[in-house]
C-alpha atoms as a PDB file:
ATOM      1  CA  MET A   1      68.690  96.459 108.646  1.00  0.00           C
ATOM      2  CA  LYS A   2      67.462 100.603 107.833  1.00  0.00           C
ATOM      3  CA  GLN A   3      68.831 101.338 110.878  1.00  0.00           C
ATOM      4  CA  LEU A   4      72.368 100.586 109.897  1.00  0.00           C
ATOM      5  CA  VAL A   5      72.777 102.029 106.787  1.00  0.00           C
ATOM      6  CA  GLU A   6      71.022 105.202 108.787  1.00  0.00           C
ATOM      7  CA  SER A   7      74.107 104.789 111.375  1.00  0.00           C
ATOM      8  CA  GLN A   8      76.442 104.711 108.519  1.00  0.00           C
ATOM      9  CA  ARG A   9      75.143 106.851 106.523  1.00  0.00           C
ATOM     10  CA  ALA A  10      75.947 109.550 109.749  1.00  0.00           C
ATOM     11  CA  PHE A  11      79.408 108.155 110.394  1.00  0.00           C
ATOM     12  CA  PHE A  12      80.474 109.238 106.420  1.00  0.00           C
ATOM     13  CA  ASN A  13      78.408 111.784 105.258  1.00  0.00           C
ATOM     14  CA  PRO A  14      80.520 114.308 107.423  1.00  0.00           C
ATOM     15  CA  ASN A  15      83.685 113.790 105.261  1.00  0.00           C
ATOM     16  CA  ALA A  16      85.478 115.268 107.753  1.00  0.00           C
ATOM     17  CA  THR A  17      88.781 113.660 106.859  1.00  0.00           C
ATOM     18  CA  LYS A  18      90.053 111.269 109.280  1.00  0.00           C
ATOM     19  CA  GLY A  19      93.272 111.167 111.198  1.00  0.00           C
ATOM     20  CA  VAL A  20      96.667 108.704 110.972  1.00  0.00           C
ATOM     21  CA  ASP A  21      96.054 106.891 113.907  1.00  0.00           C
ATOM     22  CA  PHE A  22      92.216 105.991 112.615  1.00  0.00           C
ATOM     23  CA  ARG A  23      93.723 105.028 109.530  1.00  0.00           C
ATOM     24  CA  ARG A  24      96.258 103.098 110.877  1.00  0.00           C
ATOM     25  CA  ALA A  25      93.888 101.717 112.686  1.00  0.00           C
ATOM     26  CA  GLN A  26      91.732 101.041 109.371  1.00  0.00           C
ATOM     27  CA  LEU A  27      94.419  99.297 107.917  1.00  0.00           C
ATOM     28  CA  GLU A  28      95.740  97.061 110.508  1.00  0.00           C
ATOM     29  CA  ASN A  29      92.362  95.635 110.950  1.00  0.00           C
ATOM     30  CA  LEU A  30      92.535  94.581 107.546  1.00  0.00           C
ATOM     31  CA  ARG A  31      95.776  93.066 107.843  1.00  0.00           C
ATOM     32  CA  THR A  32      93.724  90.643 110.070  1.00  0.00           C
ATOM     33  CA  VAL A  33      90.776  90.116 108.880  1.00  0.00           C
ATOM     34  CA  ILE A  34      92.771  88.855 105.693  1.00  0.00           C
ATOM     35  CA  GLU A  35      95.474  87.041 108.321  1.00  0.00           C
ATOM     36  CA  ASN A  36      92.588  85.622 110.034  1.00  0.00           C
ATOM     37  CA  ASN A  37      90.794  84.631 106.739  1.00  0.00           C
ATOM     38  CA  GLU A  38      94.466  84.311 103.986  1.00  0.00           C
ATOM     39  CA  ALA A  39      93.106  80.176 104.113  1.00  0.00           C
ATOM     40  CA  ARG A  40      89.575  81.222 102.682  1.00  0.00           C
ATOM     41  CA  LEU A  41      90.543  83.886  99.888  1.00  0.00           C
ATOM     42  CA  GLU A  42      93.581  81.501  98.723  1.00  0.00           C
ATOM     43  CA  GLN A  43      91.287  79.099  98.323  1.00  0.00           C
ATOM     44  CA  ALA A  44      88.919  81.396  96.408  1.00  0.00           C
ATOM     45  CA  ILE A  45      91.618  82.703  94.194  1.00  0.00           C
ATOM     46  CA  VAL A  46      92.791  79.304  93.670  1.00  0.00           C
ATOM     47  CA  ALA A  47      89.306  78.519  92.432  1.00  0.00           C
ATOM     48  CA  HIS A  48      88.350  80.949  90.493  1.00  0.00           C
ATOM     49  CA  TYR A  49      91.819  82.102  88.649  1.00  0.00           C
ATOM     50  CA  VAL A  50      93.061  78.953  87.818  1.00  0.00           C
ATOM     51  CA  LYS A  51      96.613  79.386  89.748  1.00  0.00           C
ATOM     52  CA  GLY A  52      98.618  78.073  92.422  1.00  0.00           C
ATOM     53  CA  ARG A  53      98.744  78.678  96.462  1.00  0.00           C
ATOM     54  CA  PHE A  54     102.582  80.111  95.486  1.00  0.00           C
ATOM     55  CA  ASP A  55     101.665  82.230  92.719  1.00  0.00           C
ATOM     56  CA  THR A  56      98.078  83.224  94.239  1.00  0.00           C
ATOM     57  CA  PHE A  57     100.210  83.899  98.129  1.00  0.00           C
ATOM     58  CA  ILE A  58     102.382  86.127  95.899  1.00  0.00           C
ATOM     59  CA  THR A  59     100.831  88.135  93.077  1.00  0.00           C
ATOM     60  CA  GLU A  60      97.418  88.436  95.505  1.00  0.00           C
ATOM     61  CA  LEU A  61      98.130  88.050  99.393  1.00  0.00           C
ATOM     62  CA  TYR A  62     101.899  89.455 100.145  1.00  0.00           C
ATOM     63  CA  VAL A  63     101.248  92.267  98.071  1.00  0.00           C
ATOM     64  CA  VAL A  64      98.820  93.924 100.026  1.00  0.00           C
ATOM     65  CA  TYR A  65     100.410  93.029 102.520  1.00  0.00           C
ATOM     66  CA  GLU A  66     103.448  94.499 101.567  1.00  0.00           C
ATOM     67  CA  GLU A  67     101.257  97.795 100.810  1.00  0.00           C
ATOM     68  CA  ILE A  68      99.806  97.740 103.914  1.00  0.00           C
ATOM     69  CA  ALA A  69     103.015  97.647 105.915  1.00  0.00           C
ATOM     70  CA  ASP A  70     104.019  99.937 103.341  1.00  0.00           C
ATOM     71  CA  ALA A  71     101.875 102.787 103.998  1.00  0.00           C
ATOM     72  CA  THR A  72     101.978 102.328 108.588  1.00  0.00           C
ATOM     73  CA  ASP A  73     105.486 102.338 108.247  1.00  0.00           C
ATOM     74  CA  ARG A  74     105.262 106.204 106.376  1.00  0.00           C
ATOM     75  CA  TRP A  75     103.099 107.208 109.414  1.00  0.00           C
ATOM     76  CA  GLY A  76     105.125 105.882 112.139  1.00  0.00           C
END
């Protein structure tokens, strides 16, 4: 664990601004992770907030998908 923490610090400590390609790739990775875990996320949100599945998708997941699409479209 110590090695993991040290490698993460080494990666983030330079505080260099990441390029557009890096940021776009990170957002696309985020979208993929959300898509791959959508059912689990939906189940957790429905249980925690007592929302319906449709409301959960529209107010939680769809918003994130649209924000990612908007950000990646702006850069390309």
